[in-house]
Amino acid sequence: MKTGPRLFTLTSADNEYDIYLVGIDMGDEAIVYRRALDGEKSHFGIHNSAEEALRTYRLAIDLQLIWDDVRLLKALSR
């Protein structure tokens, strides 16, 4: 079932403000962007979902998936 677009970040598992990459999950695919750090090249990626992107990038670094719409709702409810 397709859903509307949802923004997400993949962050350090220890610190949700240490952002590894940002993305948008379109329901049938997810597009991610990672900004260049320390001479690396910035890159884009396409995955089947935000969860698949997390599984892929978690192979290299311990990450967590944060849905930014949920984070925004929590901030607004304070």
Foldseek 3Di string as FASTA:
>chain_A
DWDAKWKKFKAAPVDNVRTQWIWIFRRQKIKIWGPDDPPDHIDIDIGRGPVVVQVVCCVPHHIDMDTVVVVVVVVVVD
